[in-house]
Amino acid sequence: MYRIRPLASVGMDSSAATRAALIEAAAPLFGAQGFEATRTREIADKAKANVSAINYHFGSKMGLYQAVIKKQSEAMNDSFPLETDSVRGGDPASRLHWLVLNMLRRALSNCDDRLKVCLREFVEPTEALDFLVKEIVSQQFGIMQAVVSAVLGREAREDELHRFTVSVVSQCFYYGLAEPLLTRLGVGIPQTDAEIEALAEHITRFSLAGLRASARSAEA
């Protein structure tokens, strides 16, 4: 398992600036080309740094890749949080709508490619996937499960809760992951905030109906 070298160990001066420049330079290259095809020389040249700086700051190219994933994920979570303290205090339907809306914003918004490396890792996994799941995805998935459980309003088996949660989330990410396929089928991909909001309303209503029907069936 690769470990990202802590920032504290390299100071906060020009060394920290080099570290930040390497992450900034690597992100679009990893997103466009993938981990294997991206060369360390290419990253270093773009960052105006020595190739050796990658090993110094991150231990390896994989360490740098993980640092990019971590930074992009944190930026996405800050911009489009799946839950906030105020939302958590609302009713389950409102919490579900917020979750769906921000999942769609992550998948569809023009947000400086902040999710591109993570999405590539989902469909073309490397050994960094374990890092991504442990450091980022597991906590986010826990939020999704908590919201779905609140809508259900009952105790659900783990396998049930997994199915319900994946059913909700997959409706959101399919629009982003399968965009080339959907456009060829004539399916419109939301582009504006209003279009994303309209799709969020649809997915929320659809999901609420399914989850509530499941709850009624369990009670019966």
Protein backbone atom coordinates (compact mmCIF):
# COMPACT_ATOMS: atom_id res chain seq x y z
CA MET A 1 0.00 0.00 0.00
CA TYR A 2 1.41 3.38 -1.01
CA ARG A 3 1.38 6.21 1.50
CA ILE A 4 1.24 9.89 0.65
CA ARG A 5 4.07 11.74 2.36
CA PRO A 6 2.55 14.15 4.92
CA LEU A 7 2.75 17.82 3.98
CA ALA A 8 4.11 18.68 7.42
CA SER A 9 7.27 16.70 6.66
CA VAL A 10 8.22 18.95 3.75
CA GLY A 11 7.49 22.35 5.20
CA MET A 12 5.24 25.14 4.00
CA ASP A 13 7.59 27.14 1.74
CA SER A 14 8.79 26.54 -1.81
CA SER A 15 8.82 22.80 -1.14
CA ALA A 16 5.09 22.89 -0.38
CA ALA A 17 4.56 24.97 -3.52
CA THR A 18 6.32 22.30 -5.58
CA ARG A 19 4.13 19.63 -4.02
CA ALA A 20 0.99 21.60 -4.87
CA ALA A 21 2.24 22.25 -8.42
CA LEU A 22 2.79 18.55 -9.01
CA ILE A 23 -0.75 17.71 -7.90
CA GLU A 24 -2.16 20.51 -10.04
CA ALA A 25 -0.19 19.37 -13.09
CA ALA A 26 -0.94 15.68 -12.64
CA ALA A 27 -4.71 15.96 -12.20
CA PRO A 28 -5.72 16.72 -15.82
CA LEU A 29 -3.14 14.29 -17.19
CA PHE A 30 -4.36 11.41 -15.03
CA GLY A 31 -7.96 12.32 -15.86
CA ALA A 32 -7.39 12.37 -19.62
CA GLN A 33 -4.84 9.57 -20.02
CA GLY A 34 -5.21 7.32 -17.01
CA PHE A 35 -2.55 6.28 -14.51
CA GLU A 36 -0.49 3.93 -16.69
CA ALA A 37 -0.29 6.18 -19.76
CA THR A 38 0.74 9.29 -17.84
CA ARG A 39 4.51 9.70 -17.63
CA THR A 40 6.25 11.22 -14.65
CA ARG A 41 8.42 13.32 -16.97
CA GLU A 42 5.28 14.80 -18.48
CA ILE A 43 3.95 15.72 -15.04
CA ALA A 44 7.25 17.20 -13.89
CA ASP A 45 7.67 19.28 -17.04
CA LYS A 46 4.17 20.69 -16.69
CA ALA A 47 4.80 21.50 -13.02
CA LYS A 48 8.23 22.98 -13.86
CA ALA A 49 9.81 20.63 -11.35
CA ASN A 50 12.41 17.87 -11.31
CA VAL A 51 11.17 14.32 -11.83
CA SER A 52 12.84 13.38 -8.54
CA ALA A 53 10.46 15.74 -6.76
CA ILE A 54 7.64 13.23 -7.32
CA ASN A 55 9.41 10.57 -5.27
CA TYR A 56 10.50 13.12 -2.69
CA HIS A 57 6.99 14.43 -2.02
CA PHE A 58 4.84 11.35 -2.72
CA GLY A 59 7.10 8.32 -2.66
CA SER A 60 6.11 7.25 -6.18
CA LYS A 61 3.84 8.03 -9.11
CA MET A 62 1.12 6.03 -7.33
CA GLY A 63 1.53 8.20 -4.24
CA LEU A 64 1.01 11.28 -6.41
CA TYR A 65 -2.02 9.64 -8.03
CA GLN A 66 -3.54 9.04 -4.60
CA ALA A 67 -2.85 12.64 -3.61
CA VAL A 68 -4.73 13.81 -6.72
CA ILE A 69 -7.66 11.54 -5.88
CA LYS A 70 -7.75 12.84 -2.32
CA LYS A 71 -7.64 16.49 -3.34
CA GLN A 72 -10.30 16.11 -6.05
CA SER A 73 -12.61 14.16 -3.75
CA GLU A 74 -12.30 16.71 -0.95
CA ALA A 75 -13.00 19.56 -3.38
CA MET A 76 -16.08 17.76 -4.70
CA ASN A 77 -17.35 17.01 -1.20
CA ASP A 78 -16.91 20.66 -0.22
CA SER A 79 -18.72 21.93 -3.32
CA PHE A 80 -21.53 19.37 -3.37
CA PRO A 81 -21.91 17.83 0.11
CA LEU A 82 -24.27 14.88 0.33
CA GLU A 83 -25.53 16.11 3.69
CA THR A 84 -25.12 19.12 5.97
CA ASP A 85 -26.15 19.70 9.57
CA SER A 86 -29.21 21.68 8.49
CA VAL A 87 -30.26 19.10 5.89
CA ARG A 88 -29.80 16.26 8.37
CA GLY A 89 -32.41 17.87 10.59
CA GLY A 90 -35.03 17.91 7.82
CA ASP A 91 -37.61 15.31 6.84
CA PRO A 92 -36.43 12.15 5.01
CA ALA A 93 -37.86 13.20 1.64
CA SER A 94 -35.97 16.50 1.75
CA ARG A 95 -32.78 14.72 2.73
CA LEU A 96 -33.20 12.35 -0.22
CA HIS A 97 -33.78 15.22 -2.63
CA TRP A 98 -30.63 16.99 -1.41
CA LEU A 99 -28.63 13.77 -1.79
CA VAL A 100 -29.90 13.13 -5.32
CA LEU A 101 -29.42 16.74 -6.41
CA ASN A 102 -25.80 16.85 -5.28
CA MET A 103 -25.01 13.44 -6.72
CA LEU A 104 -26.28 14.74 -10.07
CA ARG A 105 -24.30 17.95 -9.69
CA ARG A 106 -21.17 15.87 -9.13
CA ALA A 107 -21.82 13.76 -12.20
CA LEU A 108 -23.04 16.47 -14.57
CA SER A 109 -21.82 19.91 -13.53
CA ASN A 110 -18.96 21.62 -15.33
CA CYS A 111 -16.73 21.79 -12.27
CA ASP A 112 -13.15 21.90 -13.56
CA ASP A 113 -12.98 18.12 -14.04
CA ARG A 114 -12.75 17.62 -10.28
CA LEU A 115 -14.34 14.19 -10.45
CA LYS A 116 -12.66 12.93 -13.62
CA VAL A 117 -9.81 10.99 -12.01
CA CYS A 118 -12.16 9.36 -9.48
CA LEU A 119 -14.65 8.36 -12.20
CA ARG A 120 -11.83 6.87 -14.27
CA GLU A 121 -10.71 4.91 -11.22
CA PHE A 122 -14.23 3.47 -10.87
CA VAL A 123 -14.30 2.11 -14.44
CA GLU A 124 -10.55 1.46 -14.92
CA PRO A 125 -9.43 0.54 -11.40
CA THR A 126 -5.81 0.50 -10.30
CA GLU A 127 -4.37 -0.47 -6.94
CA ALA A 128 -5.42 3.01 -5.78
CA LEU A 129 -9.05 1.90 -5.65
CA ASP A 130 -8.59 0.48 -2.15
CA PHE A 131 -7.24 3.87 -1.04
CA LEU A 132 -10.18 5.67 -2.66
CA VAL A 133 -12.74 3.42 -1.00
CA LYS A 134 -11.10 3.58 2.43
CA GLU A 135 -10.36 7.31 2.49
CA ILE A 136 -13.36 8.73 0.60
CA VAL A 137 -16.09 6.46 -0.70
CA SER A 138 -16.92 4.45 2.42
CA GLN A 139 -17.82 7.58 4.38
CA GLN A 140 -19.92 8.91 1.50
CA PHE A 141 -21.67 5.58 1.09
CA GLY A 142 -22.49 5.65 4.80
CA ILE A 143 -24.28 8.99 4.30
CA MET A 144 -26.25 7.54 1.39
CA GLN A 145 -27.31 4.54 3.45
CA ALA A 146 -28.37 6.74 6.37
CA VAL A 147 -30.61 8.83 4.10
CA VAL A 148 -32.16 5.78 2.44
CA SER A 149 -32.72 4.17 5.84
CA ALA A 150 -34.50 7.35 7.04
CA VAL A 151 -36.85 7.22 4.04
CA LEU A 152 -37.58 3.54 4.66
CA GLY A 153 -38.46 4.29 8.26
CA ARG A 154 -37.74 0.74 9.31
CA GLU A 155 -34.88 -1.59 10.03
CA ALA A 156 -33.54 -3.19 6.87
CA ARG A 157 -31.16 -6.08 6.40
CA GLU A 158 -27.70 -5.09 5.20
CA ASP A 159 -28.23 -6.65 1.76
CA GLU A 160 -31.56 -4.83 1.41
CA LEU A 161 -30.04 -1.50 2.38
CA HIS A 162 -27.21 -2.02 -0.10
CA ARG A 163 -29.65 -2.71 -2.93
CA PHE A 164 -31.84 0.29 -2.09
CA THR A 165 -28.84 2.62 -1.82
CA VAL A 166 -27.22 1.47 -5.05
CA SER A 167 -30.57 1.76 -6.85
CA VAL A 168 -30.85 5.42 -5.88
CA VAL A 169 -27.23 6.35 -6.54
CA SER A 170 -26.94 4.54 -9.86
CA GLN A 171 -29.79 6.62 -11.31
CA CYS A 172 -27.64 9.70 -10.75
CA PHE A 173 -24.26 8.52 -11.95
CA TYR A 174 -25.56 6.68 -15.01
CA TYR A 175 -26.19 10.02 -16.68
CA GLY A 176 -22.53 10.91 -16.28
CA LEU A 177 -20.88 7.53 -16.85
CA ALA A 178 -23.04 6.53 -19.83
CA GLU A 179 -23.35 9.93 -21.51
CA PRO A 180 -21.94 8.78 -24.91
CA LEU A 181 -24.41 5.89 -25.01
CA LEU A 182 -27.40 7.93 -23.86
CA THR A 183 -26.84 10.74 -26.34
CA ARG A 184 -26.73 8.21 -29.19
CA LEU A 185 -30.08 6.92 -28.02
CA GLY A 186 -31.49 10.44 -28.11
CA VAL A 187 -31.63 10.81 -24.33
CA GLY A 188 -31.05 14.41 -23.30
CA ILE A 189 -28.27 15.01 -20.78
CA PRO A 190 -29.05 17.88 -18.39
CA GLN A 191 -26.74 20.83 -18.92
CA THR A 192 -28.14 23.73 -16.90
CA ASP A 193 -28.90 24.03 -13.20
CA ALA A 194 -32.62 24.05 -13.99
CA GLU A 195 -32.34 20.83 -16.01
CA ILE A 196 -30.34 19.14 -13.26
CA GLU A 197 -32.94 20.26 -10.71
CA ALA A 198 -35.76 18.85 -12.86
CA LEU A 199 -33.99 15.50 -13.14
CA ALA A 200 -33.36 15.50 -9.38
CA GLU A 201 -37.07 16.01 -8.77
CA HIS A 202 -37.89 13.06 -11.03
CA ILE A 203 -35.34 10.69 -9.47
CA THR A 204 -36.44 11.72 -5.98
CA ARG A 205 -40.13 11.06 -6.71
CA PHE A 206 -39.30 7.77 -8.41
CA SER A 207 -37.07 6.63 -5.55
CA LEU A 208 -39.50 7.75 -2.84
CA ALA A 209 -42.27 5.75 -4.46
CA GLY A 210 -40.13 2.63 -4.61
CA LEU A 211 -38.77 2.93 -1.08
CA ARG A 212 -42.19 3.64 0.40
CA ALA A 213 -43.73 0.75 -1.48
CA SER A 214 -41.04 -1.50 -0.06
CA ALA A 215 -41.76 -0.22 3.45
CA ARG A 216 -45.50 -0.92 3.03
CA SER A 217 -44.75 -4.38 1.69
CA ALA A 218 -42.55 -5.13 4.69
CA GLU A 219 -45.28 -3.99 7.08
CA ALA A 220 -47.85 -6.17 5.34
